[in-house]
Protein backbone atom coordinates (compact mmCIF):
# COMPACT_ATOMS: atom_id res chain seq x y z
CA MET A 1 8.06 48.93 75.67
CA ASN A 2 8.96 45.27 75.11
CA THR A 3 11.00 42.65 76.91
CA THR A 4 13.79 42.90 74.33
CA ALA A 5 14.60 46.44 75.44
CA LEU A 6 14.53 45.36 79.08
CA ALA A 7 16.89 42.46 78.35
CA THR A 8 19.22 44.92 76.60
CA LEU A 9 19.20 47.22 79.63
CA VAL A 10 20.13 44.31 81.89
CA ALA A 11 22.97 43.38 79.50
CA ILE A 12 24.33 46.96 79.61
CA LEU A 13 24.31 46.96 83.41
CA ASP A 14 26.01 43.55 83.50
CA ARG A 15 28.61 44.25 80.81
CA GLY A 16 29.30 47.93 81.51
CA SER A 17 28.99 49.31 77.98
CA PHE A 18 26.65 49.50 75.00
CA ALA A 19 29.17 47.68 72.77
CA ALA A 20 29.58 44.74 75.15
CA ALA A 21 25.82 44.50 75.63
CA ALA A 22 25.34 44.45 71.85
CA ALA A 23 27.66 41.44 71.60
CA GLN A 24 25.73 39.64 74.34
CA VAL A 25 22.23 40.20 72.95
CA GLY A 26 23.30 39.72 69.33
CA CYS A 27 22.59 43.11 67.77
CA THR A 28 24.50 46.23 66.75
CA ALA A 29 25.58 48.99 69.15
CA SER A 30 23.31 51.43 67.31
CA ALA A 31 20.33 49.12 67.90
CA VAL A 32 21.20 49.06 71.60
CA SER A 33 21.21 52.89 71.64
CA VAL A 34 17.77 52.95 70.00
CA GLN A 35 16.35 50.57 72.60
CA VAL A 36 17.78 52.67 75.43
CA LYS A 37 16.21 55.82 73.95
CA GLN A 38 12.86 54.01 73.74
CA LEU A 39 13.09 53.10 77.43
CA GLU A 40 14.05 56.67 78.36
CA MET A 41 11.06 58.00 76.41
CA HIS A 42 8.81 55.50 78.21
CA PHE A 43 10.04 56.53 81.67
CA GLY A 44 10.50 60.19 80.81
CA ARG A 45 13.95 60.36 82.40
CA PRO A 46 17.51 59.47 81.37
CA LEU A 47 18.84 56.03 82.26
CA PHE A 48 22.51 56.85 81.76
CA ASP A 49 24.78 59.79 82.52
CA ARG A 50 26.57 60.54 79.24
CA SER A 51 28.53 63.58 80.48
CA THR A 52 31.77 61.58 80.74
CA ARG A 53 33.62 59.24 78.39
CA LEU A 54 32.29 56.22 80.26
CA ILE A 55 28.53 56.01 80.58
CA ARG A 56 27.17 55.63 84.10
CA PRO A 57 23.73 54.25 84.99
CA THR A 58 21.41 56.54 86.88
CA PRO A 59 19.61 55.34 90.03
CA LEU A 60 16.51 54.89 87.86
CA ALA A 61 18.43 52.57 85.52
CA LEU A 62 19.55 50.43 88.45
CA THR A 63 15.99 50.20 89.79
CA VAL A 64 14.49 49.39 86.39
CA GLY A 65 17.29 46.90 85.73
CA GLN A 66 16.66 45.01 88.95
CA THR A 67 12.93 44.85 88.25
CA ALA A 68 13.59 43.76 84.66
CA ARG A 69 15.99 41.05 85.82
CA GLU A 70 13.34 39.59 88.13
CA LEU A 71 10.61 39.84 85.47
CA LEU A 72 12.72 38.23 82.76
CA GLY A 73 13.73 35.44 85.12
CA ARG A 74 10.10 34.67 85.93
CA LEU A 75 9.09 34.76 82.27
CA GLU A 76 11.94 32.41 81.38
CA ALA A 77 10.88 30.03 84.16
CA LEU A 78 7.33 30.02 82.82
CA ARG A 79 8.55 29.40 79.30
CA ALA A 80 10.74 26.52 80.44
CA ARG A 81 7.91 24.87 82.39
CA ARG A 82 5.39 25.16 79.59
CA GLY A 83 7.69 24.18 76.76
CA PRO A 84 8.59 20.63 75.78
CA ALA A 85 11.19 18.88 77.87
CA ILE A 86 14.74 19.39 76.64
CA GLY A 87 16.70 16.17 76.32
CA GLY A 88 19.12 14.30 74.14
CA HIS A 89 22.90 14.41 74.21
CA VAL A 90 25.26 17.32 73.54
CA ARG A 91 28.94 16.86 72.74
CA LEU A 92 30.54 19.99 74.13
CA GLY A 93 34.12 21.15 73.65
CA ALA A 94 35.80 23.57 76.06
CA ILE A 95 39.18 25.16 76.53
CA THR A 96 41.02 24.05 79.66
CA SER A 97 40.59 27.32 81.57
CA VAL A 98 36.80 26.96 81.32
CA GLN A 99 37.07 23.57 83.07
CA THR A 100 37.56 25.13 86.50
CA ASP A 101 35.83 28.43 85.75
CA ALA A 102 32.33 28.32 84.26
CA LEU A 103 31.98 24.64 83.35
CA PRO A 104 31.05 23.19 86.78
CA GLY A 105 28.34 25.79 87.38
CA ALA A 106 26.91 25.45 83.89
CA LEU A 107 26.73 21.65 84.12
CA ARG A 108 25.12 21.87 87.56
CA SER A 109 22.51 24.27 86.20
CA LEU A 110 21.76 22.01 83.22
CA LYS A 111 21.40 18.96 85.46
CA ASP A 112 18.94 20.78 87.70
CA GLU A 113 16.87 22.39 84.93
CA HIS A 114 17.02 19.70 82.23
CA PRO A 115 17.58 16.28 83.80
CA ALA A 116 16.83 14.55 80.48
CA LEU A 117 19.74 16.35 78.81
CA SER A 118 23.18 14.74 78.97
CA VAL A 119 26.41 16.58 78.16
CA SER A 120 29.82 15.06 77.45
CA VAL A 121 32.82 17.38 77.54
CA SER A 122 36.11 17.23 75.66
CA LEU A 123 38.95 19.63 76.51
CA ASN A 124 41.30 21.09 73.92
CA ASP A 125 42.68 24.38 72.65
CA SER A 126 40.48 26.74 70.65
CA GLU A 127 41.84 25.91 67.20
CA ALA A 128 41.46 22.16 67.72
CA LEU A 129 37.92 22.64 69.02
CA LEU A 130 36.97 24.69 65.96
CA ALA A 131 38.30 21.91 63.74
CA ASP A 132 36.28 19.35 65.71
CA LEU A 133 33.15 21.50 65.40
CA LYS A 134 33.49 21.92 61.64
CA ALA A 135 34.08 18.17 61.28
CA ALA A 136 30.93 17.47 63.38
CA ARG A 137 32.93 15.63 66.05
CA ILE A 138 31.37 17.96 68.63
CA ASP A 139 28.11 19.92 68.63
CA ALA A 140 29.25 23.17 70.25
CA ALA A 141 32.23 24.68 72.03
CA VAL A 142 33.19 27.30 74.61
CA LEU A 143 36.48 28.79 73.48
CA VAL A 144 38.50 31.90 72.71
CA ARG A 145 36.95 33.75 69.79
CA PRO A 146 39.51 34.59 67.07
CA ALA A 147 40.50 38.26 66.91
CA PRO A 148 38.91 38.85 63.45
CA GLY A 149 35.58 37.62 64.88
CA GLY A 150 35.52 34.00 63.75
CA SER A 151 34.09 32.25 60.72
CA ALA A 152 30.79 33.67 59.47
CA ARG A 153 29.71 30.11 58.72
CA LEU A 154 29.43 29.48 62.47
CA LEU A 155 27.08 31.01 65.04
CA TRP A 156 28.92 32.94 67.76
CA GLN A 157 27.62 34.19 71.11
CA ASP A 158 30.08 36.16 73.22
CA LEU A 159 29.99 35.14 76.88
CA ALA A 160 32.74 37.16 78.54
CA ARG A 161 35.66 39.47 77.94
CA GLN A 162 38.75 38.54 79.94
CA PRO A 163 41.49 41.17 80.29
CA PHE A 164 45.13 40.12 80.51
CA ALA A 165 47.12 40.98 83.64
CA LEU A 166 50.65 40.61 84.94
CA LEU A 167 50.98 38.25 87.91
CA ALA A 168 53.97 38.52 90.25
CA PRO A 169 55.11 36.57 93.33
CA PRO A 170 54.02 37.84 96.75
CA GLY A 171 56.39 40.41 98.18
CA THR A 172 57.98 41.53 94.92
CA GLY A 173 58.95 45.16 94.80
CA ALA A 174 57.12 47.87 92.94
CA GLY A 175 57.75 48.48 89.29
CA THR A 176 56.09 48.83 85.93
CA PRO A 177 55.13 45.68 84.00
CA THR A 178 58.07 46.33 81.66
CA GLU A 179 60.52 46.57 84.57
CA MET A 180 59.15 43.46 86.26
CA LEU A 181 59.35 41.40 83.06
CA ARG A 182 62.97 42.44 82.62
CA ARG A 183 63.89 41.97 86.29
CA HIS A 184 62.27 38.57 86.82
CA GLY A 185 62.03 35.51 84.62
CA TRP A 186 59.07 35.42 82.25
CA ILE A 187 56.84 32.37 82.69
CA ARG A 188 55.34 32.23 79.22
CA TYR A 189 51.80 31.09 78.51
CA ASP A 190 52.18 28.46 75.76
CA THR A 191 52.15 30.20 72.38
CA ALA A 192 50.54 27.16 70.78
CA LEU A 193 47.35 28.50 72.41
CA THR A 194 45.44 31.55 71.18
CA GLY A 195 45.71 33.26 74.56
CA GLY A 196 49.43 32.47 74.73
CA ARG A 197 50.07 34.12 71.39
CA ILE A 198 48.13 37.21 72.46
CA ALA A 199 50.14 37.43 75.69
CA ALA A 200 53.49 36.89 73.93
CA GLN A 201 52.78 39.61 71.38
CA TYR A 202 52.05 42.06 74.18
CA VAL A 203 55.15 41.10 76.17
CA ARG A 204 57.38 41.43 73.11
CA ARG A 205 55.93 44.89 72.54
CA ILE A 206 56.48 46.27 76.06
CA ALA A 207 59.58 44.26 77.04
CA PRO A 208 61.35 42.92 73.94
CA ARG A 209 64.32 41.75 76.02
CA ALA A 210 62.21 39.72 78.48
CA ARG A 211 63.67 36.23 79.00
CA SER A 212 61.37 33.21 78.98
CA VAL A 213 62.24 30.71 81.72
CA MET A 214 59.51 28.17 80.98
CA ASP A 215 56.47 27.60 78.75
CA LEU A 216 53.30 26.19 80.33
CA ARG A 217 49.81 25.45 79.00
CA ALA A 218 47.68 25.41 82.19
CA ILE A 219 46.96 28.75 83.85
CA ASP A 220 46.55 27.03 87.24
CA VAL A 221 50.11 25.66 86.95
CA ILE A 222 51.44 29.05 85.81
CA VAL A 223 49.91 30.72 88.88
CA ALA A 224 51.50 28.10 91.13
CA MET A 225 54.91 28.73 89.55
CA VAL A 226 54.55 32.48 90.00
CA ALA A 227 53.56 31.98 93.65
CA ALA A 228 56.74 29.91 94.14
CA GLY A 229 58.81 32.90 93.05
CA LEU A 230 59.98 31.43 89.74
CA GLY A 231 59.04 34.43 87.64
CA VAL A 232 56.24 36.70 86.48
CA THR A 233 53.66 36.08 83.77
CA VAL A 234 51.09 37.75 81.54
CA VAL A 235 47.91 35.71 81.25
CA PRO A 236 44.14 36.21 81.02
CA LEU A 237 43.11 37.33 84.49
CA PRO A 238 42.42 34.09 86.43
CA ARG A 239 39.39 33.52 88.62
CA GLN A 240 39.55 35.22 92.01
CA PRO A 241 39.56 32.04 94.16
CA LEU A 242 42.75 30.90 92.39
CA LEU A 243 44.43 34.25 92.97
CA ASP A 244 43.37 34.22 96.61
CA ALA A 245 44.63 30.65 97.14
CA TYR A 246 48.13 31.44 95.87
CA ARG A 247 48.21 35.07 97.04
CA VAL A 248 50.01 36.28 93.93
CA ARG A 249 50.17 39.97 93.08
CA THR A 250 47.99 41.22 90.25
CA VAL A 251 49.56 44.11 88.37
CA PRO A 252 47.09 45.90 86.05
CA LEU A 253 48.32 46.59 82.54
CA ALA A 254 47.92 49.73 80.46
CA ARG A 255 44.75 50.52 78.56
CA SER A 256 46.42 49.22 75.43
CA ALA A 257 46.71 45.77 77.01
CA PRO A 258 44.93 42.92 75.22
CA SER A 259 41.87 40.98 76.22
CA ARG A 260 40.24 37.83 74.91
CA ARG A 261 36.62 36.96 74.25
CA ILE A 262 35.16 33.72 75.53
CA ALA A 263 32.36 32.62 73.20
CA PHE A 264 29.84 29.85 72.68
CA VAL A 265 29.93 28.62 69.07
CA ARG A 266 27.92 26.12 67.05
CA ARG A 267 27.32 25.31 63.40
CA SER A 268 24.86 27.55 61.55
CA ALA A 269 22.75 24.53 60.65
CA ASP A 270 22.10 23.99 64.38
CA GLU A 271 20.57 27.41 64.98
CA GLY A 272 17.50 27.12 67.20
CA GLN A 273 18.33 23.64 68.52
CA PRO A 274 16.64 23.63 71.98
CA ASN A 275 19.32 21.52 73.67
CA LEU A 276 22.14 23.74 72.39
CA ASP A 277 20.15 26.85 73.32
CA ALA A 278 19.88 25.47 76.86
CA VAL A 279 23.63 24.89 77.09
CA GLN A 280 24.39 28.37 75.79
CA ARG A 281 21.97 29.98 78.29
CA ALA A 282 23.58 28.07 81.17
CA PHE A 283 27.03 29.41 80.33
CA ALA A 284 25.70 32.93 79.73
CA ARG A 285 24.14 32.97 83.21
CA ILE A 286 27.35 31.77 84.87
CA TYR A 287 29.52 34.37 83.17
CA ALA A 288 26.97 37.12 83.84
CA SER A 289 26.97 36.22 87.54
CA GLN A 290 30.77 36.52 87.55
CA GLY A 291 30.54 40.01 86.11
CA THR A 292 32.99 39.27 83.31
């Protein structure tokens, strides 16, 4: 048994599936299955209940996972203390929704762990950030990964999967997402953005006659407009504190509803750069703690 298999087990427990864990640890789903089987052979008992469509961790898996999480954390702390100090400057790009989501926690973590490392942040949409990265105007970015997977000339690390949801004003009556989009005005997430195009394609599929009453780029502003009773929207599910502050209704969508992947991306030539590795780890920890 090695620490790689333990890290994979923790990723499965955090992400909820073998496929999502594979994306996090950077290997194939079949490799994840092999590592799980190795752990089960080591402990002599199953770690997951496979009798249903969705795998469920056994009590043993939860116990081993918690122990592995603590062990891996201690090993990482030892590695960080014994390794050379991480410093320099990183030019980081981020989409706007990351600004109030994972960015503050990641920067706080980097400041505490690597005080010699400075990070400057520029905000833009995903396509503009990819152009900046390829032109070497920034060193890395946290953005929405393109649906085909993104350029193979770049290094991608998935951080989170964000499902889309319909948001409605407090007190609105019951109804399906299709009915609510037809009954109320549609506050459209700007289709100049990757997430906006994904949302618009879904809305046009389930409610082709939905009427757009306004187009907005910032999810925080969209939520405020919904809370004011100006319409309903389909957006990537916002962070819980924002939903709680405005008390909007969250209406789950069907299983066929879209989602988007938030990823950390850098140029292939920068693989193994310690300062970029540190930034990527900081964001990965924040998103893992959010359970996304």
